[in-house]
Amino acid sequence: MEASRIHRFLVPRWVALLLAAVAAVLVPWIVYLSYSLPSHHVSNHWQFAWSGFDVALVCAILATAIGLIRGYSWASATAGAAGALLLADAWFDIVLAHGPGERLEAVTEAVLAELPLALLCLWIAVATERGPRALWMRSIARVGGASARPGPDPRAAGGDARPGIREARDRPTRPV
């Protein structure tokens, strides 16, 4: 089954239409907020807001590391979340910086740490999303078998790929 059919089977079409409608509604909302919000706002819980955000960031990065080490299929989702949080962190650090000194510090931190790590996380999300077939192919390649070349899955005919190899289907995975 091709990938587009699989996605349509797993996620109904109305979900995509709902998301498109939400995006369309958000455009005028963003314009409204751009003109109606005050340019200065004081918050009594500023420290908690940033601390909470950083806790979420640490959890996403740690979950990605654990998922990658243990070979869990959800590592792609946590890597994507970590990448998005890192991009948001860089954006808000730069936009909310007060004065040239803080802005220079925020840009430096973004360029040297947050953006490269975000790109790494997003690469991990894409690379690990290839699914169990890619894991199976890598396990064959580690052993150095000739069947590591791309081609039809030997298990599709009902046989085992190679005896003694821990296949992707034997890995502990949980649905996302």
N, C-alpha and C. Protein backbone atom coordinates (compact mmCIF):
# COMPACT_ATOMS: atom_id res chain seq x y z
N MET A 1 0.85 -1.17 0.00
CA MET A 1 0.00 0.00 0.00
C MET A 1 0.90 1.24 0.00
N GLU A 2 0.64 2.16 -0.90
CA GLU A 2 1.48 3.35 -0.98
C GLU A 2 1.25 4.27 0.21
N ALA A 3 2.22 5.14 0.48
CA ALA A 3 2.21 5.96 1.69
C ALA A 3 0.98 6.86 1.78
N SER A 4 0.55 7.47 0.67
CA SER A 4 -0.60 8.37 0.74
C SER A 4 -1.87 7.62 1.12
N ARG A 5 -2.03 6.39 0.65
CA ARG A 5 -3.20 5.60 1.03
C ARG A 5 -3.14 5.20 2.49
N ILE A 6 -1.94 4.90 2.98
CA ILE A 6 -1.79 4.55 4.39
C ILE A 6 -2.20 5.73 5.26
N HIS A 7 -1.73 6.94 4.92
CA HIS A 7 -2.08 8.11 5.71
C HIS A 7 -3.59 8.36 5.67
N ARG A 8 -4.21 8.17 4.51
CA ARG A 8 -5.66 8.37 4.41
C ARG A 8 -6.40 7.34 5.23
N PHE A 9 -5.86 6.14 5.32
CA PHE A 9 -6.50 5.09 6.10
C PHE A 9 -6.38 5.39 7.60
N LEU A 10 -5.24 5.87 8.03
CA LEU A 10 -5.01 6.13 9.45
C LEU A 10 -5.68 7.40 9.93
N VAL A 11 -5.71 8.44 9.10
CA VAL A 11 -6.28 9.73 9.49
C VAL A 11 -7.38 10.08 8.48
N PRO A 12 -8.61 10.21 8.94
CA PRO A 12 -9.70 10.54 8.01
C PRO A 12 -9.49 11.90 7.33
N ARG A 13 -10.06 12.03 6.16
CA ARG A 13 -9.93 13.26 5.37
C ARG A 13 -10.47 14.48 6.10
N TRP A 14 -11.53 14.31 6.89
CA TRP A 14 -12.12 15.46 7.59
C TRP A 14 -11.13 16.09 8.57
N VAL A 15 -10.17 15.33 9.07
CA VAL A 15 -9.17 15.89 9.99
C VAL A 15 -8.31 16.90 9.25
N ALA A 16 -7.90 16.57 8.03
CA ALA A 16 -7.11 17.51 7.22
C ALA A 16 -7.92 18.76 6.90
N LEU A 17 -9.20 18.56 6.57
CA LEU A 17 -10.05 19.71 6.27
C LEU A 17 -10.25 20.60 7.50
N LEU A 18 -10.40 19.98 8.66
CA LEU A 18 -10.53 20.74 9.91
C LEU A 18 -9.28 21.56 10.17
N LEU A 19 -8.10 20.95 10.01
CA LEU A 19 -6.85 21.67 10.23
C LEU A 19 -6.69 22.82 9.24
N ALA A 20 -7.08 22.62 8.00
CA ALA A 20 -7.02 23.69 7.00
C ALA A 20 -7.95 24.84 7.39
N ALA A 21 -9.14 24.51 7.90
CA ALA A 21 -10.08 25.55 8.34
C ALA A 21 -9.53 26.32 9.53
N VAL A 22 -8.92 25.62 10.47
CA VAL A 22 -8.32 26.29 11.63
C VAL A 22 -7.21 27.24 11.18
N ALA A 23 -6.38 26.79 10.25
CA ALA A 23 -5.31 27.65 9.74
C ALA A 23 -5.89 28.89 9.06
N ALA A 24 -6.97 28.72 8.29
CA ALA A 24 -7.59 29.85 7.62
C ALA A 24 -8.18 30.85 8.62
N VAL A 25 -8.76 30.35 9.70
CA VAL A 25 -9.33 31.23 10.72
C VAL A 25 -8.22 31.95 11.50
N LEU A 26 -7.09 31.31 11.66
CA LEU A 26 -6.00 31.93 12.42
C LEU A 26 -5.38 33.13 11.71
N VAL A 27 -5.43 33.17 10.40
CA VAL A 27 -4.82 34.29 9.67
C VAL A 27 -5.44 35.63 10.07
N PRO A 28 -6.76 35.81 10.00
CA PRO A 28 -7.31 37.09 10.45
C PRO A 28 -7.12 37.33 11.95
N TRP A 29 -7.11 36.26 12.73
CA TRP A 29 -6.87 36.40 14.17
C TRP A 29 -5.47 36.97 14.43
N ILE A 30 -4.49 36.51 13.68
CA ILE A 30 -3.12 37.02 13.82
C ILE A 30 -3.07 38.50 13.46
N VAL A 31 -3.74 38.87 12.38
CA VAL A 31 -3.78 40.29 11.98
C VAL A 31 -4.43 41.12 13.08
N TYR A 32 -5.54 40.63 13.62
CA TYR A 32 -6.22 41.34 14.70
C TYR A 32 -5.29 41.52 15.91
N LEU A 33 -4.63 40.45 16.32
CA LEU A 33 -3.74 40.53 17.48
C LEU A 33 -2.57 41.48 17.22
N SER A 34 -2.07 41.49 16.00
CA SER A 34 -0.93 42.36 15.66
C SER A 34 -1.25 43.82 15.91
N TYR A 35 -2.50 44.21 15.72
CA TYR A 35 -2.88 45.61 15.89
C TYR A 35 -3.53 45.91 17.24
N SER A 36 -4.07 44.90 17.91
CA SER A 36 -4.82 45.18 19.13
C SER A 36 -4.03 44.96 20.42
N LEU A 37 -3.02 44.11 20.40
CA LEU A 37 -2.26 43.85 21.63
C LEU A 37 -1.36 45.03 21.97
N PRO A 38 -1.18 45.28 23.26
CA PRO A 38 -0.27 46.36 23.64
C PRO A 38 1.18 45.98 23.36
N SER A 39 2.00 46.98 23.12
CA SER A 39 3.42 46.70 22.83
C SER A 39 4.19 46.38 24.11
N HIS A 40 3.60 46.70 25.26
CA HIS A 40 4.25 46.44 26.55
C HIS A 40 3.26 45.73 27.46
N HIS A 41 3.74 44.64 28.10
CA HIS A 41 2.87 43.88 28.99
C HIS A 41 3.71 43.34 30.14
N VAL A 42 3.21 43.49 31.35
CA VAL A 42 3.90 42.98 32.54
C VAL A 42 3.17 41.74 33.02
N SER A 43 3.91 40.69 33.30
CA SER A 43 3.33 39.44 33.77
C SER A 43 3.87 39.10 35.14
N ASN A 44 2.99 38.64 36.01
CA ASN A 44 3.42 38.25 37.36
C ASN A 44 4.04 36.85 37.40
N HIS A 45 3.90 36.09 36.34
CA HIS A 45 4.38 34.71 36.32
C HIS A 45 5.38 34.46 35.19
N TRP A 46 6.16 35.47 34.85
CA TRP A 46 7.13 35.38 33.76
C TRP A 46 8.12 34.24 33.98
N GLN A 47 8.66 34.14 35.21
CA GLN A 47 9.65 33.09 35.50
C GLN A 47 9.05 31.70 35.32
N PHE A 48 7.79 31.53 35.77
CA PHE A 48 7.15 30.22 35.66
C PHE A 48 6.86 29.87 34.20
N ALA A 49 6.51 30.86 33.42
CA ALA A 49 6.24 30.62 32.00
C ALA A 49 7.49 30.08 31.30
N TRP A 50 8.62 30.76 31.50
CA TRP A 50 9.85 30.32 30.84
C TRP A 50 10.40 29.04 31.44
N SER A 51 10.30 28.89 32.76
CA SER A 51 10.77 27.65 33.39
C SER A 51 9.95 26.47 32.90
N GLY A 52 8.63 26.65 32.82
CA GLY A 52 7.76 25.58 32.32
C GLY A 52 8.08 25.21 30.88
N PHE A 53 8.33 26.23 30.07
CA PHE A 53 8.70 25.98 28.67
C PHE A 53 10.00 25.19 28.60
N ASP A 54 10.98 25.58 29.41
CA ASP A 54 12.26 24.88 29.39
C ASP A 54 12.13 23.44 29.92
N VAL A 55 11.23 23.22 30.88
CA VAL A 55 10.98 21.85 31.35
C VAL A 55 10.41 21.01 30.21
N ALA A 56 9.47 21.57 29.46
CA ALA A 56 8.91 20.85 28.31
C ALA A 56 9.99 20.55 27.28
N LEU A 57 10.88 21.50 27.05
CA LEU A 57 11.98 21.32 26.11
C LEU A 57 12.91 20.20 26.56
N VAL A 58 13.28 20.20 27.83
CA VAL A 58 14.14 19.15 28.37
C VAL A 58 13.46 17.79 28.25
N CYS A 59 12.17 17.73 28.56
CA CYS A 59 11.43 16.45 28.46
C CYS A 59 11.42 15.94 27.02
N ALA A 60 11.20 16.83 26.05
CA ALA A 60 11.18 16.41 24.65
C ALA A 60 12.55 15.91 24.20
N ILE A 61 13.60 16.61 24.59
CA ILE A 61 14.95 16.20 24.19
C ILE A 61 15.33 14.89 24.87
N LEU A 62 15.03 14.76 26.16
CA LEU A 62 15.34 13.53 26.89
C LEU A 62 14.53 12.35 26.35
N ALA A 63 13.26 12.58 26.07
CA ALA A 63 12.43 11.50 25.51
C ALA A 63 12.97 11.07 24.15
N THR A 64 13.45 12.02 23.36
CA THR A 64 14.04 11.67 22.06
C THR A 64 15.29 10.81 22.26
N ALA A 65 16.14 11.22 23.18
CA ALA A 65 17.35 10.43 23.45
C ALA A 65 17.01 9.02 23.90
N ILE A 66 16.07 8.89 24.82
CA ILE A 66 15.66 7.57 25.31
C ILE A 66 15.04 6.76 24.18
N GLY A 67 14.18 7.40 23.40
CA GLY A 67 13.54 6.71 22.29
C GLY A 67 14.54 6.21 21.26
N LEU A 68 15.56 7.01 20.99
CA LEU A 68 16.59 6.59 20.03
C LEU A 68 17.44 5.46 20.59
N ILE A 69 17.82 5.58 21.86
CA ILE A 69 18.65 4.53 22.47
C ILE A 69 17.92 3.21 22.52
N ARG A 70 16.63 3.25 22.87
CA ARG A 70 15.84 2.03 23.01
C ARG A 70 15.22 1.55 21.71
N GLY A 71 15.29 2.38 20.67
CA GLY A 71 14.75 2.00 19.36
C GLY A 71 13.24 2.07 19.25
N TYR A 72 12.62 2.96 20.01
CA TYR A 72 11.16 3.10 19.98
C TYR A 72 10.71 3.91 18.77
N SER A 73 9.56 3.53 18.23
CA SER A 73 9.06 4.20 17.03
C SER A 73 8.60 5.62 17.31
N TRP A 74 8.26 5.96 18.55
CA TRP A 74 7.79 7.31 18.87
C TRP A 74 8.91 8.33 18.95
N ALA A 75 10.15 7.92 18.77
CA ALA A 75 11.27 8.87 18.84
C ALA A 75 11.15 9.94 17.75
N SER A 76 10.57 9.60 16.61
CA SER A 76 10.40 10.61 15.56
C SER A 76 9.45 11.71 16.02
N ALA A 77 8.41 11.37 16.75
CA ALA A 77 7.47 12.38 17.24
C ALA A 77 8.11 13.28 18.29
N THR A 78 8.86 12.70 19.21
CA THR A 78 9.48 13.54 20.24
C THR A 78 10.60 14.39 19.64
N ALA A 79 11.28 13.88 18.64
CA ALA A 79 12.32 14.67 17.96
C ALA A 79 11.69 15.86 17.24
N GLY A 80 10.56 15.63 16.58
CA GLY A 80 9.85 16.72 15.93
C GLY A 80 9.38 17.77 16.92
N ALA A 81 8.86 17.31 18.06
CA ALA A 81 8.42 18.24 19.11
C ALA A 81 9.61 19.02 19.66
N ALA A 82 10.72 18.35 19.90
CA ALA A 82 11.91 19.03 20.42
C ALA A 82 12.41 20.07 19.42
N GLY A 83 12.42 19.72 18.14
CA GLY A 83 12.85 20.68 17.11
C GLY A 83 11.95 21.91 17.08
N ALA A 84 10.64 21.68 17.15
CA ALA A 84 9.70 22.81 17.15
C ALA A 84 9.87 23.68 18.39
N LEU A 85 10.06 23.06 19.54
CA LEU A 85 10.26 23.82 20.78
C LEU A 85 11.56 24.63 20.73
N LEU A 86 12.60 24.05 20.16
CA LEU A 86 13.87 24.77 20.03
C LEU A 86 13.73 25.98 19.10
N LEU A 87 13.00 25.82 18.00
CA LEU A 87 12.77 26.95 17.09
C LEU A 87 11.96 28.04 17.79
N ALA A 88 10.93 27.64 18.53
CA ALA A 88 10.12 28.61 19.27
C ALA A 88 10.96 29.31 20.34
N ASP A 89 11.82 28.56 21.01
CA ASP A 89 12.69 29.15 22.04
C ASP A 89 13.61 30.20 21.44
N ALA A 90 14.22 29.88 20.30
CA ALA A 90 15.11 30.85 19.64
C ALA A 90 14.32 32.09 19.23
N TRP A 91 13.14 31.89 18.65
CA TRP A 91 12.31 33.02 18.21
C TRP A 91 11.97 33.94 19.38
N PHE A 92 11.43 33.38 20.44
CA PHE A 92 11.01 34.21 21.56
C PHE A 92 12.19 34.84 22.30
N ASP A 93 13.31 34.14 22.38
CA ASP A 93 14.50 34.74 23.00
C ASP A 93 14.92 35.99 22.24
N ILE A 94 14.91 35.91 20.92
CA ILE A 94 15.35 37.05 20.10
C ILE A 94 14.32 38.17 20.13
N VAL A 95 13.06 37.83 19.92
CA VAL A 95 12.01 38.85 19.85
C VAL A 95 11.79 39.55 21.19
N LEU A 96 11.91 38.82 22.28
CA LEU A 96 11.65 39.40 23.60
C LEU A 96 12.89 39.94 24.29
N ALA A 97 14.02 39.91 23.61
CA ALA A 97 15.26 40.45 24.21
C ALA A 97 15.11 41.94 24.44
N HIS A 98 15.66 42.41 25.55
CA HIS A 98 15.57 43.82 25.93
C HIS A 98 16.94 44.47 25.73
N GLY A 99 17.04 45.28 24.73
CA GLY A 99 18.29 46.01 24.49
C GLY A 99 19.23 45.24 23.60
N PRO A 100 20.24 45.96 23.07
CA PRO A 100 21.19 45.34 22.14
C PRO A 100 22.03 44.21 22.75
N GLY A 101 22.38 44.33 24.01
CA GLY A 101 23.19 43.29 24.66
C GLY A 101 22.44 41.97 24.76
N GLU A 102 21.20 42.05 25.21
CA GLU A 102 20.38 40.83 25.31
C GLU A 102 20.09 40.25 23.93
N ARG A 103 19.86 41.13 22.97
CA ARG A 103 19.56 40.65 21.62
C ARG A 103 20.77 39.93 21.04
N LEU A 104 21.98 40.49 21.22
CA LEU A 104 23.19 39.84 20.72
C LEU A 104 23.38 38.48 21.38
N GLU A 105 23.13 38.41 22.67
CA GLU A 105 23.24 37.14 23.39
C GLU A 105 22.22 36.13 22.86
N ALA A 106 20.99 36.58 22.61
CA ALA A 106 19.95 35.68 22.11
C ALA A 106 20.26 35.18 20.70
N VAL A 107 20.75 36.07 19.84
CA VAL A 107 21.09 35.67 18.47
C VAL A 107 22.27 34.70 18.49
N THR A 108 23.27 34.98 19.32
CA THR A 108 24.44 34.09 19.43
C THR A 108 24.02 32.71 19.91
N GLU A 109 23.17 32.67 20.93
CA GLU A 109 22.69 31.40 21.46
C GLU A 109 21.87 30.65 20.40
N ALA A 110 21.07 31.37 19.65
CA ALA A 110 20.26 30.74 18.61
C ALA A 110 21.15 30.15 17.51
N VAL A 111 22.12 30.93 17.04
CA VAL A 111 22.96 30.49 15.94
C VAL A 111 23.88 29.34 16.35
N LEU A 112 24.43 29.40 17.56
CA LEU A 112 25.40 28.40 17.99
C LEU A 112 24.78 27.16 18.63
N ALA A 113 23.58 27.28 19.18
CA ALA A 113 23.03 26.14 19.93
C ALA A 113 21.62 25.75 19.47
N GLU A 114 20.67 26.66 19.60
CA GLU A 114 19.27 26.29 19.41
C GLU A 114 18.94 25.89 17.97
N LEU A 115 19.37 26.67 17.01
CA LEU A 115 19.05 26.34 15.61
C LEU A 115 19.74 25.07 15.12
N PRO A 116 21.05 24.88 15.39
CA PRO A 116 21.66 23.61 14.97
C PRO A 116 21.02 22.38 15.65
N LEU A 117 20.70 22.52 16.93
CA LEU A 117 20.06 21.40 17.63
C LEU A 117 18.65 21.16 17.09
N ALA A 118 17.94 22.24 16.75
CA ALA A 118 16.61 22.10 16.16
C ALA A 118 16.70 21.38 14.82
N LEU A 119 17.66 21.75 14.00
CA LEU A 119 17.83 21.08 12.70
C LEU A 119 18.19 19.61 12.90
N LEU A 120 19.02 19.31 13.88
CA LEU A 120 19.36 17.91 14.18
C LEU A 120 18.11 17.14 14.59
N CYS A 121 17.30 17.72 15.46
CA CYS A 121 16.08 17.05 15.91
C CYS A 121 15.10 16.85 14.75
N LEU A 122 14.97 17.85 13.89
CA LEU A 122 14.07 17.70 12.75
C LEU A 122 14.60 16.66 11.76
N TRP A 123 15.91 16.59 11.60
CA TRP A 123 16.51 15.54 10.76
C TRP A 123 16.22 14.17 11.38
N ILE A 124 16.36 14.05 12.69
CA ILE A 124 16.06 12.78 13.38
C ILE A 124 14.60 12.40 13.14
N ALA A 125 13.70 13.38 13.24
CA ALA A 125 12.28 13.11 13.04
C ALA A 125 12.01 12.55 11.65
N VAL A 126 12.64 13.12 10.65
CA VAL A 126 12.45 12.65 9.27
C VAL A 126 13.13 11.29 9.08
N ALA A 127 14.35 11.16 9.56
CA ALA A 127 15.12 9.93 9.35
C ALA A 127 14.50 8.73 10.06
N THR A 128 13.93 8.94 11.23
CA THR A 128 13.36 7.82 11.98
C THR A 128 11.92 7.53 11.59
N GLU A 129 11.33 8.36 10.78
CA GLU A 129 9.94 8.16 10.36
C GLU A 129 9.84 7.15 9.23
N ARG A 130 10.93 6.65 8.77
CA ARG A 130 10.92 5.72 7.64
C ARG A 130 10.27 4.38 7.99
N GLY A 131 10.10 4.11 9.26
CA GLY A 131 9.30 2.96 9.67
C GLY A 131 10.07 1.68 9.89
N PRO A 132 9.33 0.63 10.21
CA PRO A 132 9.94 -0.66 10.54
C PRO A 132 10.77 -1.26 9.41
N ARG A 133 10.40 -0.99 8.15
CA ARG A 133 11.19 -1.54 7.04
C ARG A 133 12.61 -0.99 7.07
N ALA A 134 12.76 0.30 7.37
CA ALA A 134 14.10 0.88 7.45
C ALA A 134 14.87 0.27 8.62
N LEU A 135 14.21 0.03 9.72
CA LEU A 135 14.88 -0.62 10.86
C LEU A 135 15.31 -2.03 10.49
N TRP A 136 14.44 -2.73 9.79
CA TRP A 136 14.76 -4.08 9.37
C TRP A 136 15.96 -4.07 8.43
N MET A 137 15.98 -3.13 7.48
CA MET A 137 17.09 -3.04 6.53
C MET A 137 18.40 -2.72 7.25
N ARG A 138 18.34 -1.84 8.26
CA ARG A 138 19.56 -1.52 9.00
C ARG A 138 20.05 -2.72 9.80
N SER A 139 19.16 -3.51 10.36
CA SER A 139 19.60 -4.68 11.13
C SER A 139 20.28 -5.69 10.21
N ILE A 140 19.79 -5.83 8.98
CA ILE A 140 20.42 -6.71 8.00
C ILE A 140 21.79 -6.15 7.61
N ALA A 141 21.86 -4.83 7.40
CA ALA A 141 23.11 -4.21 6.97
C ALA A 141 24.19 -4.35 8.05
N ARG A 142 23.79 -4.30 9.33
CA ARG A 142 24.78 -4.44 10.41
C ARG A 142 25.47 -5.79 10.36
N VAL A 143 24.73 -6.82 9.98
CA VAL A 143 25.30 -8.16 9.90
C VAL A 143 26.13 -8.30 8.64
N GLY A 144 25.86 -7.42 7.66
CA GLY A 144 26.63 -7.46 6.42
C GLY A 144 26.07 -8.41 5.40
N GLY A 145 24.80 -8.71 5.52
CA GLY A 145 24.17 -9.64 4.59
C GLY A 145 23.97 -9.02 3.22
N ALA A 146 23.96 -9.86 2.22
CA ALA A 146 23.77 -9.39 0.85
C ALA A 146 22.35 -8.87 0.63
N SER A 147 21.41 -9.31 1.46
CA SER A 147 20.03 -8.89 1.27
C SER A 147 19.79 -7.49 1.83
N ALA A 148 20.83 -6.79 2.21
CA ALA A 148 20.68 -5.43 2.73
C ALA A 148 20.37 -4.43 1.63
N ARG A 149 20.46 -4.88 0.37
CA ARG A 149 20.12 -3.98 -0.74
C ARG A 149 18.62 -3.77 -0.77
N PRO A 150 18.18 -2.60 -1.26
CA PRO A 150 16.74 -2.38 -1.36
C PRO A 150 16.10 -3.41 -2.27
N GLY A 151 14.91 -3.79 -1.93
CA GLY A 151 14.19 -4.77 -2.71
C GLY A 151 12.98 -5.24 -1.94
N PRO A 152 12.31 -6.25 -2.44
CA PRO A 152 11.13 -6.73 -1.74
C PRO A 152 11.49 -7.34 -0.39
N ASP A 153 10.60 -7.20 0.54
CA ASP A 153 10.79 -7.74 1.89
C ASP A 153 10.63 -9.25 1.83
N PRO A 154 11.68 -10.04 2.19
CA PRO A 154 11.58 -11.50 2.13
C PRO A 154 10.47 -12.05 3.01
N ARG A 155 10.09 -11.31 4.05
CA ARG A 155 9.03 -11.79 4.93
C ARG A 155 7.67 -11.72 4.26
N ALA A 156 7.55 -10.92 3.19
CA ALA A 156 6.26 -10.75 2.53
C ALA A 156 5.76 -12.08 1.96
N ALA A 157 6.67 -12.97 1.59
CA ALA A 157 6.28 -14.27 1.04
C ALA A 157 6.00 -15.28 2.15
N GLY A 158 6.09 -14.85 3.40
CA GLY A 158 5.78 -15.74 4.52
C GLY A 158 7.01 -16.30 5.21
N GLY A 159 8.21 -16.07 4.66
CA GLY A 159 9.42 -16.59 5.28
C GLY A 159 10.07 -15.57 6.19
N ASP A 160 11.07 -16.02 6.94
CA ASP A 160 11.82 -15.11 7.78
C ASP A 160 12.94 -14.48 6.98
N ALA A 161 13.32 -13.26 7.37
CA ALA A 161 14.37 -12.54 6.65
C ALA A 161 15.69 -13.30 6.79
N ARG A 162 16.15 -13.48 7.99
CA ARG A 162 17.36 -14.24 8.26
C ARG A 162 17.27 -14.73 9.69
N PRO A 163 17.51 -15.96 9.96
CA PRO A 163 17.42 -16.46 11.33
C PRO A 163 18.48 -15.81 12.21
N GLY A 164 18.11 -15.54 13.45
CA GLY A 164 19.06 -15.02 14.43
C GLY A 164 19.19 -13.51 14.46
N ILE A 165 18.50 -12.81 13.60
CA ILE A 165 18.59 -11.35 13.58
C ILE A 165 17.35 -10.79 14.27
N ARG A 166 17.57 -9.90 15.17
CA ARG A 166 16.44 -9.25 15.84
C ARG A 166 15.82 -8.28 14.86
N GLU A 167 14.66 -8.60 14.38
CA GLU A 167 14.02 -7.79 13.35
C GLU A 167 13.25 -6.64 13.96
N ALA A 168 12.90 -5.71 13.11
CA ALA A 168 12.18 -4.53 13.57
C ALA A 168 10.84 -4.91 14.18
N ARG A 169 10.21 -5.98 13.66
CA ARG A 169 8.91 -6.35 14.21
C ARG A 169 9.01 -6.89 15.63
N ASP A 170 10.22 -7.29 16.06
CA ASP A 170 10.42 -7.79 17.41
C ASP A 170 10.79 -6.68 18.38
N ARG A 171 11.03 -5.49 17.88
CA ARG A 171 11.40 -4.37 18.76
C ARG A 171 10.18 -3.95 19.57
N PRO A 172 10.42 -3.52 20.79
CA PRO A 172 9.28 -3.04 21.58
C PRO A 172 8.83 -1.68 21.04
N THR A 173 7.64 -1.63 20.53
CA THR A 173 7.11 -0.36 20.03
C THR A 173 5.72 -0.16 20.61
N ARG A 174 5.36 1.10 20.70
CA ARG A 174 4.02 1.45 21.16
C ARG A 174 3.46 2.45 20.18
N PRO A 175 2.19 2.34 19.87
CA PRO A 175 1.61 3.30 18.94
C PRO A 175 1.66 4.71 19.50
N VAL A 176 1.85 5.66 18.62
CA VAL A 176 1.94 7.07 19.03
C VAL A 176 0.55 7.61 19.23
